[in-house]
């Protein structure tokens, strides 16, 4: 494993004084990468792709990934590329209906023009409609791929480029004069899919390039980050983000954003993003859009889908119709924490773009499927097993007994709230990290539902608590306590027998047994004090 170290900036880190505890805090942070050598990691990646998808054509030296050699046709070949570290872009987008070939450079480094030429030359052997190279708007990428196309034209190969840039985070409304233009972000994935579908249909290169030029002008993207990546070979990240803050407008090569905000909620973050994108695209009620939410590598799909949900709500409030939504890691920045949001405006004149997005592709990283656009007509139905039945003949409590019963439940809930952090620590010792949180949630729900619990009917009350444990508590604890409370309800309000029923249920449905040191042992000891005091003394 190679190691990337981020050394402490504290001047005391190199002093000989201070306690051992202080010295431990001053040790450099080490981020270990699961690669043997940063100098040949991209070649190893290409080799790994060849073993994962044996049908693809790969060349480790040129770091090219290409679709299987087809019969010679007049279709247009499509190429894109850039520095590694953005996977699955571009190699994961190689496949029929998307890229014909991809070229990768070293991490965050543009591949050389000679490697770009190698890709163009090989694609041209069976794609006689010309080769269109989609180039991200970064100076080095433009220089190398433009030069590669010039070399190709010198070899009588029809080759052209289209520069793609849609990052709107640094664009001011009304200011179109920007020195280097917008940076290329995840919006290029939309273009690759549209171009791939048009190529399969037999469109000419000029037609495809014209459609993509229109699409670039109808797109806007913003990247947000809460943690910078560390580029292999460097000792520290390019920037840092304060705890509980995010940066708007981060770059995919470790560049910091142009605005730092305190994180309040995902919905507020989406509102800020959409305010900027809406002003750039001039979105108005009744418009239609397609969207991509892509992790930057260090954010989970849980976060991305949450952002996607908030994005759909925000668009609904704006009266903007969401035609398609794609959520995946499509264009990363190593392990940077954060994500990208791209919005593509669709009008009546370019509705066919949506059909292109729906067309088939076998590129492994494309997240679109028929379930991306076919809406289910099934109406989800509620299961009725949780409905509480008030059985005739079951024992009831009078007003005084009900008050005592309620007081017991309330005190237990408050007691759990007071010690949930202790429960959390104990749970972590056994690998159950959310144990304390589960108990806290259950206690909070009980206190919220206190006025609706039927304390005058012990059996239905215990069943209601069982349902709350199952639905709200979740996890192993939720399943366990739901099981015990449901079993105990059958004997309520004979509380010693309730404990016995709970223990029997646990030992029946789990591997826990008396004396094995689990929670069951503690419950049995408690239960034995009610039923068999002699057992408690003998086995204490």
Protein backbone atom coordinates (compact mmCIF):
# COMPACT_ATOMS: atom_id res chain seq x y z
CA UNK A 1 0.00 0.00 0.00
CA UNK A 2 1.16 3.47 -0.74
CA UNK A 3 0.69 6.08 1.94
CA UNK A 4 -0.35 9.68 1.73
CA UNK A 5 0.44 11.66 4.86
CA UNK A 6 -1.04 14.92 6.06
CA UNK A 7 1.29 16.42 8.63
CA UNK A 8 0.13 18.53 11.51
CA UNK A 9 0.45 22.28 10.99
CA UNK A 10 0.97 22.83 14.69
CA UNK A 11 4.43 24.14 15.56
CA UNK A 12 4.41 22.04 18.71
CA UNK A 13 4.19 18.86 16.65
CA UNK A 14 7.96 18.74 16.34
CA UNK A 15 8.82 19.73 19.89
CA UNK A 16 10.12 17.22 22.37
CA UNK A 17 7.90 18.37 25.24
CA UNK A 18 4.32 17.51 26.06
CA UNK A 19 2.60 14.41 27.34
CA UNK A 20 2.35 11.12 25.49
CA UNK A 21 -1.33 11.86 24.89
CA UNK A 22 -0.41 15.18 23.27
CA UNK A 23 2.22 13.47 21.12
CA UNK A 24 -0.38 10.97 19.88
CA UNK A 25 -2.59 13.85 18.80
CA UNK A 26 0.35 15.37 16.91
CA UNK A 27 1.04 12.27 14.82
CA UNK A 28 0.45 12.83 11.09
CA UNK A 29 -2.81 11.65 9.59
CA UNK A 30 -2.18 8.73 7.23
CA UNK A 31 -4.53 7.97 4.37
CA UNK A 32 -3.65 4.56 2.97
CA UNK A 33 -4.58 3.87 -0.65
CA UNK A 34 -5.24 0.33 -1.78
CA UNK A 35 -2.78 0.57 -4.65
CA UNK A 36 0.80 -0.65 -4.87
CA UNK A 37 2.25 2.16 -6.94
CA UNK A 38 0.75 5.52 -7.90
CA UNK A 39 2.93 5.56 -11.04
CA UNK A 40 1.33 2.45 -12.53
CA UNK A 41 -2.06 2.45 -10.83
CA UNK A 42 -3.92 3.57 -13.97
CA UNK A 43 -2.38 0.76 -16.02
CA UNK A 44 -3.41 -1.66 -13.28
CA UNK A 45 -6.93 -0.22 -13.36
CA UNK A 46 -7.16 -0.78 -17.12
CA UNK A 47 -5.94 -4.35 -16.62
CA UNK A 48 -8.61 -4.84 -13.96
CA UNK A 49 -11.28 -3.57 -16.36
CA UNK A 50 -10.09 -6.06 -18.98
CA UNK A 51 -10.55 -8.91 -16.52
CA UNK A 52 -13.93 -7.64 -15.33
CA UNK A 53 -15.28 -7.08 -18.87
CA UNK A 54 -13.28 -9.44 -21.12
CA UNK A 55 -15.27 -8.41 -24.20
CA UNK A 56 -13.86 -4.90 -24.05
CA UNK A 57 -10.65 -4.09 -25.90
CA UNK A 58 -8.00 -2.56 -23.63
CA UNK A 59 -4.47 -1.28 -24.01
CA UNK A 60 -2.58 -0.71 -20.77
CA UNK A 61 0.19 1.32 -22.36
CA UNK A 62 -2.16 3.90 -23.93
CA UNK A 63 -4.71 3.38 -21.10
CA UNK A 64 -7.48 2.96 -23.68
CA UNK A 65 -10.73 1.04 -23.14
CA UNK A 66 -12.75 0.32 -26.30
CA UNK A 67 -15.91 -1.56 -27.27
CA UNK A 68 -15.51 -4.90 -29.08
CA UNK A 69 -14.48 -4.53 -32.71
CA UNK A 70 -17.65 -4.36 -34.77
CA UNK A 71 -18.23 -4.69 -38.48
CA UNK A 72 -17.17 -1.59 -40.37
CA UNK A 73 -20.07 0.89 -40.49
CA UNK A 74 -20.74 4.51 -41.29
CA UNK A 75 -21.61 5.21 -37.66
CA UNK A 76 -19.85 7.97 -35.72
CA UNK A 77 -17.27 6.93 -33.15
CA UNK A 78 -17.31 8.68 -29.78
CA UNK A 79 -14.31 9.19 -27.50
CA UNK A 80 -13.83 10.99 -24.22
CA UNK A 81 -11.19 10.98 -21.55
CA UNK A 82 -9.20 12.80 -18.95
CA UNK A 83 -7.13 12.17 -15.88
CA UNK A 84 -7.89 9.15 -13.74
CA UNK A 85 -9.57 9.62 -10.38
CA UNK A 86 -13.01 10.45 -11.83
CA UNK A 87 -14.17 6.85 -12.23
CA UNK A 88 -16.42 5.49 -13.49
CA UNK A 89 -15.97 8.35 -16.01
CA UNK A 90 -14.80 7.75 -18.67
CA UNK A 91 -14.09 3.99 -18.91
CA UNK A 92 -17.34 2.93 -17.23
CA UNK A 93 -19.28 4.75 -19.95
CA UNK A 94 -17.76 2.68 -22.77
CA UNK A 95 -20.35 0.48 -24.43
CA UNK A 96 -22.77 0.25 -27.32
CA UNK A 97 -24.99 3.32 -27.18
CA UNK A 98 -22.42 5.45 -25.35
CA UNK A 99 -18.65 5.86 -25.77
CA UNK A 100 -16.79 3.86 -28.38
CA UNK A 101 -13.54 4.34 -26.47
CA UNK A 102 -12.06 6.14 -23.47
CA UNK A 103 -8.56 7.39 -22.69
CA UNK A 104 -7.23 7.92 -19.17
CA UNK A 105 -4.19 9.79 -17.93
CA UNK A 106 -2.50 9.64 -14.57
CA UNK A 107 -4.58 10.80 -11.61
CA UNK A 108 -5.97 14.27 -12.42
CA UNK A 109 -3.57 14.49 -15.38
CA UNK A 110 -4.67 14.73 -19.01
CA UNK A 111 -3.62 11.79 -21.22
CA UNK A 112 -1.05 12.73 -23.84
CA UNK A 113 -2.02 13.56 -27.40
CA UNK A 114 -0.26 10.38 -28.62
CA UNK A 115 -2.58 8.23 -26.51
CA UNK A 116 -5.57 10.23 -27.72
CA UNK A 117 -4.42 9.64 -31.30
CA UNK A 118 -4.10 5.90 -30.61
CA UNK A 119 -7.74 5.80 -29.52
CA UNK A 120 -8.91 7.84 -32.53
CA UNK A 121 -6.94 5.66 -34.96
CA UNK A 122 -8.38 2.39 -33.63
CA UNK A 123 -11.96 3.69 -33.47
CA UNK A 124 -11.70 4.95 -37.05
CA UNK A 125 -10.88 1.43 -38.28
CA UNK A 126 -14.53 0.39 -37.89
CA UNK A 127 -16.42 3.68 -37.37
CA UNK A 128 -16.22 5.38 -40.78
CA UNK A 129 -18.68 8.15 -39.96
CA UNK A 130 -15.94 10.12 -38.26
CA UNK A 131 -14.68 10.33 -34.69
CA UNK A 132 -16.08 12.94 -32.30
CA UNK A 133 -14.09 13.59 -29.14
CA UNK A 134 -15.99 15.06 -26.17
CA UNK A 135 -13.48 17.19 -24.27
CA UNK A 136 -13.94 18.51 -20.76
CA UNK A 137 -13.23 22.22 -20.51
CA UNK A 138 -9.80 22.13 -18.88
CA UNK A 139 -6.79 23.71 -20.58
CA UNK A 140 -4.56 20.62 -20.67
CA UNK A 141 -7.39 18.35 -21.82
CA UNK A 142 -8.29 20.72 -24.65
CA UNK A 143 -4.68 21.08 -25.79
CA UNK A 144 -3.92 17.37 -25.91
CA UNK A 145 -7.15 16.18 -27.53
CA UNK A 146 -7.18 19.06 -30.05
CA UNK A 147 -3.64 18.14 -31.02
CA UNK A 148 -4.61 14.45 -31.26
CA UNK A 149 -7.41 15.35 -33.67
CA UNK A 150 -5.02 17.44 -35.78
CA UNK A 151 -2.65 14.49 -35.99
CA UNK A 152 -5.58 12.28 -36.99
CA UNK A 153 -6.66 14.67 -39.74
CA UNK A 154 -3.10 14.59 -41.07
CA UNK A 155 -3.68 10.84 -41.42
CA UNK A 156 -6.90 11.49 -43.40
CA UNK A 157 -9.11 10.58 -40.44
CA UNK A 158 -12.24 12.65 -39.93
CA UNK A 159 -11.90 13.77 -36.31
CA UNK A 160 -13.43 16.68 -34.42
CA UNK A 161 -13.80 17.88 -30.84
CA UNK A 162 -16.59 19.34 -28.75
CA UNK A 163 -15.60 21.20 -25.58
CA UNK A 164 -17.98 20.58 -22.69
CA UNK A 165 -18.34 22.91 -19.72
CA UNK A 166 -21.45 23.50 -17.65
CA UNK A 167 -20.25 24.40 -14.13
CA UNK A 168 -22.30 27.47 -13.23
CA UNK A 169 -21.04 27.99 -9.68
CA UNK A 170 -18.61 30.77 -10.68
CA UNK A 171 -20.87 32.37 -13.25
CA UNK A 172 -22.54 35.67 -12.40
CA UNK A 173 -25.92 36.42 -13.89
CA UNK A 174 -25.56 38.53 -17.01
CA UNK A 175 -21.79 38.09 -17.18
CA UNK A 176 -20.97 35.92 -20.17
CA UNK A 177 -17.33 36.98 -20.52
CA UNK A 178 -15.29 34.39 -18.66
CA UNK A 179 -11.60 33.85 -19.44
CA UNK A 180 -11.54 30.06 -19.37
CA UNK A 181 -15.26 29.32 -19.49
CA UNK A 182 -17.22 26.90 -17.41
CA UNK A 183 -15.52 23.80 -16.02
CA UNK A 184 -16.63 20.42 -17.25
CA UNK A 185 -18.55 18.41 -14.67
CA UNK A 186 -20.96 15.49 -14.62
CA UNK A 187 -23.14 17.00 -17.37
CA UNK A 188 -20.86 15.36 -19.92
CA UNK A 189 -22.55 12.06 -19.04
CA UNK A 190 -25.84 13.41 -20.46
CA UNK A 191 -24.01 14.32 -23.67
CA UNK A 192 -22.32 10.93 -23.96
CA UNK A 193 -25.66 9.16 -23.66
CA UNK A 194 -27.41 11.42 -26.17
CA UNK A 195 -24.52 11.22 -28.65
CA UNK A 196 -24.28 7.43 -28.27
CA UNK A 197 -27.96 6.95 -29.02
CA UNK A 198 -27.80 9.27 -32.04
CA UNK A 199 -24.77 7.40 -33.37
CA UNK A 200 -26.57 4.07 -33.11
CA UNK A 201 -29.48 5.58 -35.03
CA UNK A 202 -27.10 6.59 -37.82
CA UNK A 203 -26.94 10.37 -37.32
CA UNK A 204 -24.12 12.23 -39.05
CA UNK A 205 -21.27 13.73 -37.03
CA UNK A 206 -22.30 17.32 -37.79
CA UNK A 207 -25.85 16.60 -36.61
CA UNK A 208 -24.62 14.98 -33.41
CA UNK A 209 -22.20 17.83 -32.67
CA UNK A 210 -24.95 20.39 -33.29
CA UNK A 211 -27.33 18.63 -30.91
CA UNK A 212 -24.67 18.38 -28.22
CA UNK A 213 -23.75 22.05 -28.60
CA UNK A 214 -27.40 22.91 -27.97
CA UNK A 215 -27.49 20.56 -24.98
CA UNK A 216 -24.42 22.14 -23.39
CA UNK A 217 -26.20 25.50 -23.45
CA UNK A 218 -29.22 23.92 -21.74
CA UNK A 219 -27.25 22.44 -18.84
CA UNK A 220 -25.95 23.75 -15.54
CA UNK A 221 -24.08 21.91 -12.79
CA UNK A 222 -22.86 22.70 -9.30
CA UNK A 223 -20.56 20.62 -7.09
CA UNK A 224 -20.66 20.88 -3.31
CA UNK A 225 -18.13 19.39 -0.91
CA UNK A 226 -17.56 18.78 2.77
CA UNK A 227 -14.18 17.02 2.52
CA UNK A 228 -11.34 17.41 0.05
CA UNK A 229 -9.58 14.44 -1.46
CA UNK A 230 -5.85 13.88 -1.11
CA UNK A 231 -4.15 13.44 -4.45
CA UNK A 232 -1.72 10.48 -4.50
CA UNK A 233 1.84 11.69 -3.99
CA UNK A 234 0.78 14.76 -2.01
CA UNK A 235 0.86 15.09 1.75
CA UNK A 236 -2.27 17.08 2.46
CA UNK A 237 -5.57 18.09 0.87
CA UNK A 238 -5.74 21.29 -1.16
CA UNK A 239 -8.30 22.75 1.20
CA UNK A 240 -10.16 21.91 4.38
CA UNK A 241 -13.78 22.43 5.35
CA UNK A 242 -14.82 23.41 8.84
CA UNK A 243 -16.98 20.87 10.70
CA UNK A 244 -20.67 21.11 9.86
CA UNK A 245 -19.94 23.33 6.85
CA UNK A 246 -20.03 22.80 3.09
CA UNK A 247 -18.38 24.53 0.17
CA UNK A 248 -20.35 25.52 -2.91
CA UNK A 249 -18.60 25.33 -6.27
CA UNK A 250 -15.79 22.89 -5.49
CA UNK A 251 -13.77 21.52 -8.39
CA UNK A 252 -13.23 17.88 -9.29
CA UNK A 253 -9.44 18.18 -9.00
CA UNK A 254 -9.34 19.23 -5.36
CA UNK A 255 -10.15 22.92 -5.93
CA UNK A 256 -11.94 24.74 -3.12
CA UNK A 257 -15.34 26.29 -3.64
CA UNK A 258 -16.17 29.95 -3.93
CA UNK A 259 -18.54 30.01 -0.96
CA UNK A 260 -18.56 28.31 2.45
CA UNK A 261 -21.88 27.83 4.23
CA UNK A 262 -22.94 26.27 7.48
CA UNK A 263 -24.82 23.08 6.71
CA UNK A 264 -28.38 23.25 8.01
CA UNK A 265 -30.24 20.57 6.04
CA UNK A 266 -30.16 18.78 2.71
CA UNK A 267 -33.33 20.58 1.62
CA UNK A 268 -31.76 23.99 2.27
CA UNK A 269 -28.64 22.92 0.37
CA UNK A 270 -30.77 21.91 -2.61
CA UNK A 271 -32.64 25.22 -2.43
CA UNK A 272 -29.34 27.12 -2.67
CA UNK A 273 -28.16 24.95 -5.59
CA UNK A 274 -31.41 25.32 -7.49
CA UNK A 275 -31.56 29.07 -6.96
CA UNK A 276 -28.25 29.38 -8.79
CA UNK A 277 -29.04 26.84 -11.51
CA UNK A 278 -32.50 28.30 -12.08
CA UNK A 279 -31.09 31.78 -12.65
CA UNK A 280 -28.54 30.49 -15.16
CA UNK A 281 -31.00 28.33 -17.13
CA UNK A 282 -33.83 30.84 -16.69
CA UNK A 283 -36.16 28.12 -15.46
CA UNK A 284 -39.81 29.07 -15.14
CA UNK A 285 -43.03 27.28 -14.13
CA UNK A 286 -44.04 24.67 -16.65
CA UNK A 287 -40.49 23.86 -17.81
CA UNK A 288 -39.23 20.28 -18.03
CA UNK A 289 -35.81 19.07 -16.89
CA UNK A 290 -33.66 15.98 -16.48
CA UNK A 291 -31.34 15.67 -13.50
CA UNK A 292 -28.21 13.87 -12.37
CA UNK A 293 -27.08 13.56 -8.75
CA UNK A 294 -23.58 12.10 -8.64
CA UNK A 295 -21.37 11.41 -5.64
CA UNK A 296 -17.89 12.92 -5.75
CA UNK A 297 -16.60 9.59 -4.43
CA UNK A 298 -16.75 10.03 -0.66
CA UNK A 299 -20.49 10.56 -0.22
CA UNK A 300 -22.80 7.60 0.08
CA UNK A 301 -25.79 6.77 -2.08
CA UNK A 302 -27.87 7.32 1.06
CA UNK A 303 -26.84 10.99 0.90
CA UNK A 304 -27.28 11.18 -2.88
CA UNK A 305 -30.79 9.74 -2.84
CA UNK A 306 -31.71 12.09 0.00
CA UNK A 307 -30.52 15.03 -2.10
CA UNK A 308 -32.46 13.57 -5.05
CA UNK A 309 -35.64 13.47 -2.97
CA UNK A 310 -35.17 17.07 -1.86
CA UNK A 311 -34.41 18.04 -5.46
CA UNK A 312 -37.69 16.54 -6.63
CA UNK A 313 -39.58 18.43 -3.89
CA UNK A 314 -37.87 21.70 -4.81
CA UNK A 315 -38.66 21.26 -8.51
CA UNK A 316 -42.26 20.46 -7.62
CA UNK A 317 -42.50 23.69 -5.62
CA UNK A 318 -41.10 25.55 -8.63
CA UNK A 319 -43.76 23.87 -10.84
CA UNK A 320 -41.02 22.31 -12.97
CA UNK A 321 -41.62 18.84 -14.37
CA UNK A 322 -38.87 16.28 -13.66
CA UNK A 323 -38.66 14.05 -16.74
CA UNK A 324 -35.75 11.83 -15.66
CA UNK A 325 -33.56 11.53 -12.56
CA UNK A 326 -30.30 9.57 -12.42
CA UNK A 327 -28.51 8.92 -9.12
CA UNK A 328 -25.12 7.19 -9.01
CA UNK A 329 -21.41 7.76 -8.69
CA UNK A 330 -20.79 8.84 -12.27
CA UNK A 331 -18.04 11.47 -12.08
CA UNK A 332 -15.98 11.33 -8.91
CA UNK A 333 -12.96 13.14 -7.53
CA UNK A 334 -11.20 10.24 -5.81
CA UNK A 335 -12.77 10.14 -2.33
CA UNK A 336 -13.89 13.76 -2.07
CA UNK A 337 -16.88 14.18 0.21
CA UNK A 338 -19.75 15.82 -1.61
CA UNK A 339 -21.75 15.54 -4.78
CA UNK A 340 -22.67 17.14 -8.08
CA UNK A 341 -26.11 18.19 -9.27
CA UNK A 342 -26.68 18.70 -13.00
CA UNK A 343 -29.92 20.01 -14.49
CA UNK A 344 -30.62 19.79 -18.22
CA UNK A 345 -33.52 21.85 -19.52
CA UNK A 346 -35.71 20.08 -22.08
CA UNK A 347 -38.03 21.90 -24.48
CA UNK A 348 -40.48 20.78 -27.15
CA UNK A 349 -37.74 21.29 -29.76
CA UNK A 350 -35.37 18.85 -28.10
CA UNK A 351 -37.76 16.31 -26.56
CA UNK A 352 -35.89 13.60 -28.46
CA UNK A 353 -33.06 13.97 -25.96
CA UNK A 354 -35.26 12.11 -23.50
CA UNK A 355 -35.72 9.26 -25.98
CA UNK A 356 -31.94 9.16 -26.39
CA UNK A 357 -31.54 8.86 -22.63
CA UNK A 358 -34.03 5.98 -22.63
CA UNK A 359 -32.35 4.08 -25.49
CA UNK A 360 -30.48 0.90 -24.62
CA UNK A 361 -26.80 0.86 -23.74
CA UNK A 362 -24.57 -1.81 -22.27
CA UNK A 363 -22.11 0.70 -20.73
CA UNK A 364 -21.70 -0.67 -17.19
CA UNK A 365 -21.85 2.64 -15.30
CA UNK A 366 -24.98 4.12 -16.90
CA UNK A 367 -27.71 4.02 -14.20
CA UNK A 368 -30.72 4.39 -16.52
CA UNK A 369 -33.04 1.41 -16.88
CA UNK A 370 -36.62 0.92 -18.01
CA UNK A 371 -37.57 1.54 -14.38
CA UNK A 372 -36.15 5.05 -14.86
CA UNK A 373 -39.14 6.04 -16.94
CA UNK A 374 -41.86 3.37 -16.70
CA UNK A 375 -44.20 4.22 -13.85
CA UNK A 376 -45.76 1.40 -11.87
CA UNK A 377 -49.55 1.36 -11.58
CA UNK A 378 -49.47 -0.79 -8.48
CA UNK A 379 -50.95 0.82 -5.36
CA UNK A 380 -49.04 -0.14 -2.24
CA UNK A 381 -51.33 -1.55 0.43
CA UNK A 382 -50.96 -1.42 4.17
CA UNK A 383 -50.58 -4.74 5.96
CA UNK A 384 -53.27 -5.13 8.62
CA UNK A 385 -51.36 -7.37 11.00
CA UNK A 386 -50.44 -4.39 13.21
CA UNK A 387 -54.04 -3.52 13.96
CA UNK A 388 -54.66 -3.80 17.71
CA UNK A 389 -57.57 -6.03 18.66
CA UNK A 390 -59.34 -5.36 21.98
CA UNK A 391 -60.31 -8.85 23.05
CA UNK A 392 -63.41 -9.36 25.14
CA UNK A 393 -62.63 -10.92 28.47
CA UNK A 394 -59.09 -9.49 28.69
CA UNK A 395 -58.32 -7.87 32.02
CA UNK A 396 -58.64 -4.12 32.34
CA UNK A 397 -57.27 -1.55 34.75
CA UNK A 398 -59.28 0.96 36.70
CA UNK A 399 -58.30 4.63 36.71
CA UNK A 400 -55.84 4.27 39.60
CA UNK A 401 -54.16 1.21 38.14
CA UNK A 402 -53.97 2.87 34.73
CA UNK A 403 -52.20 5.87 36.28
CA UNK A 404 -49.67 3.58 38.00
CA UNK A 405 -49.10 1.67 34.74
CA UNK A 406 -48.61 4.92 32.82
CA UNK A 407 -46.19 6.21 35.46
CA UNK A 408 -44.07 3.06 35.17
CA UNK A 409 -43.85 3.31 31.38
CA UNK A 410 -43.06 7.02 31.53
CA UNK A 411 -40.31 6.58 34.12
CA UNK A 412 -38.69 3.79 32.12
CA UNK A 413 -38.71 5.96 28.98
CA UNK A 414 -37.08 8.87 30.81
CA UNK A 415 -34.52 6.53 32.39
CA UNK A 416 -33.57 5.19 28.95
CA UNK A 417 -33.18 8.74 27.65
CA UNK A 418 -30.81 9.52 30.52
CA UNK A 419 -28.49 6.56 29.86
CA UNK A 420 -28.73 6.08 26.09
CA UNK A 421 -25.13 7.26 25.66
CA UNK A 422 -23.98 4.55 28.09
CA UNK A 423 -25.97 1.99 26.12
CA UNK A 424 -24.30 3.28 22.96
CA UNK A 425 -20.82 2.71 24.41
CA UNK A 426 -21.74 -0.78 25.59
CA UNK A 427 -23.16 -1.60 22.18
CA UNK A 428 -20.01 -0.48 20.40
CA UNK A 429 -17.96 -2.82 22.56
CA UNK A 430 -19.90 -5.66 20.93
CA UNK A 431 -19.97 -4.16 17.43
CA UNK A 432 -23.50 -2.72 17.63
CA UNK A 433 -22.81 0.97 17.07
CA UNK A 434 -26.40 2.28 16.97
CA UNK A 435 -27.69 0.49 20.03
CA UNK A 436 -28.00 3.60 22.20
CA UNK A 437 -29.62 5.57 19.39
CA UNK A 438 -32.19 2.80 18.86
CA UNK A 439 -33.14 2.90 22.53
CA UNK A 440 -33.32 6.70 22.51
CA UNK A 441 -35.64 6.67 19.49
CA UNK A 442 -37.90 4.10 21.18
CA UNK A 443 -38.03 6.15 24.37
CA UNK A 444 -38.82 9.35 22.47
CA UNK A 445 -41.63 7.67 20.55
CA UNK A 446 -43.13 6.26 23.74
CA UNK A 447 -43.16 9.72 25.33
CA UNK A 448 -44.73 11.19 22.18
CA UNK A 449 -47.42 8.50 22.12
CA UNK A 450 -48.02 8.54 25.88
CA UNK A 451 -51.47 10.10 25.69
CA UNK A 452 -52.62 7.62 23.04
CA UNK A 453 -51.48 4.41 24.73
CA UNK A 454 -54.41 2.38 26.15
CA UNK A 455 -53.16 2.00 29.72
CA UNK A 456 -56.57 0.76 30.83
CA UNK A 457 -56.11 -2.27 28.58
CA UNK A 458 -52.73 -3.86 29.41
CA UNK A 459 -52.83 -6.41 26.59
CA UNK A 460 -53.50 -3.91 23.75
CA UNK A 461 -51.09 -1.46 25.39
CA UNK A 462 -48.24 -3.99 25.25
CA UNK A 463 -49.12 -4.84 21.64
CA UNK A 464 -49.02 -1.14 20.79
CA UNK A 465 -45.57 -0.87 22.39
CA UNK A 466 -44.50 -3.93 20.40
CA UNK A 467 -45.59 -2.24 17.17
CA UNK A 468 -43.76 0.96 18.11
CA UNK A 469 -40.57 -1.01 18.77
CA UNK A 470 -40.82 -2.74 15.40
CA UNK A 471 -41.73 0.34 13.33
CA UNK A 472 -39.74 3.10 15.02
CA UNK A 473 -36.85 1.47 16.90
CA UNK A 474 -35.63 -0.69 14.04
CA UNK A 475 -32.49 -2.77 13.96
CA UNK A 476 -31.78 -5.79 16.09
CA UNK A 477 -33.07 -4.06 19.21
CA UNK A 478 -36.36 -3.20 17.54
CA UNK A 479 -36.92 -6.77 16.43
CA UNK A 480 -35.95 -8.17 19.82
CA UNK A 481 -38.10 -5.85 21.92
CA UNK A 482 -41.02 -6.10 19.53
CA UNK A 483 -40.85 -9.89 19.88
CA UNK A 484 -40.65 -9.79 23.68
CA UNK A 485 -43.41 -7.20 24.11
CA UNK A 486 -45.74 -9.09 21.79
CA UNK A 487 -45.18 -12.34 23.66
CA UNK A 488 -45.54 -10.58 27.02
CA UNK A 489 -48.83 -9.02 25.91
CA UNK A 490 -50.48 -12.44 25.90
CA UNK A 491 -49.99 -12.73 29.68
CA UNK A 492 -50.61 -9.07 30.63
CA UNK A 493 -51.19 -7.89 33.29
CA UNK A 494 -49.64 -10.91 35.07
CA UNK A 495 -46.18 -9.34 34.99
CA UNK A 496 -44.06 -12.29 36.23
CA UNK A 497 -45.68 -14.46 33.55
CA UNK A 498 -45.06 -11.64 31.05
CA UNK A 499 -41.34 -11.88 31.74
CA UNK A 500 -41.43 -15.65 31.35
CA UNK A 501 -43.27 -15.36 28.01
CA UNK A 502 -40.75 -12.78 26.78
CA UNK A 503 -37.81 -15.03 27.68
CA UNK A 504 -39.44 -18.04 26.02
CA UNK A 505 -40.00 -16.04 22.84
CA UNK A 506 -36.37 -14.92 22.66
CA UNK A 507 -34.93 -18.37 23.28
CA UNK A 508 -37.36 -19.83 20.72
CA UNK A 509 -36.53 -17.42 17.89
CA UNK A 510 -32.84 -16.79 18.62
CA UNK A 511 -29.78 -18.78 19.67
CA UNK A 512 -29.65 -17.03 23.07
CA UNK A 513 -29.83 -19.35 26.06
CA UNK A 514 -29.64 -19.13 29.81
CA UNK A 515 -26.11 -18.57 31.09
CA UNK A 516 -24.47 -17.50 27.81
CA UNK A 517 -23.82 -13.96 28.98
CA UNK A 518 -26.33 -12.21 26.70
CA UNK A 519 -29.12 -9.87 27.71
CA UNK A 520 -31.33 -12.95 28.07
CA UNK A 521 -29.34 -13.97 31.16
CA UNK A 522 -30.11 -10.64 32.83
CA UNK A 523 -33.81 -10.95 32.00
CA UNK A 524 -33.90 -14.50 33.37
CA UNK A 525 -32.29 -13.35 36.62
CA UNK A 526 -34.85 -10.58 36.92
CA UNK A 527 -37.69 -12.93 36.06
CA UNK A 528 -36.47 -15.56 38.54
CA UNK A 529 -36.81 -13.08 41.41
CA UNK A 530 -40.55 -13.01 40.75
CA UNK A 531 -41.06 -16.74 40.12
CA UNK A 532 -38.17 -18.69 41.65
CA UNK A 533 -36.17 -16.75 44.27
CA UNK A 534 -34.16 -19.92 45.03
CA UNK A 535 -32.75 -19.93 41.45
CA UNK A 536 -31.61 -16.35 41.81
CA UNK A 537 -29.62 -17.09 44.97
CA UNK A 538 -28.04 -20.29 43.69
CA UNK A 539 -26.93 -18.88 40.30
CA UNK A 540 -26.07 -15.34 41.29
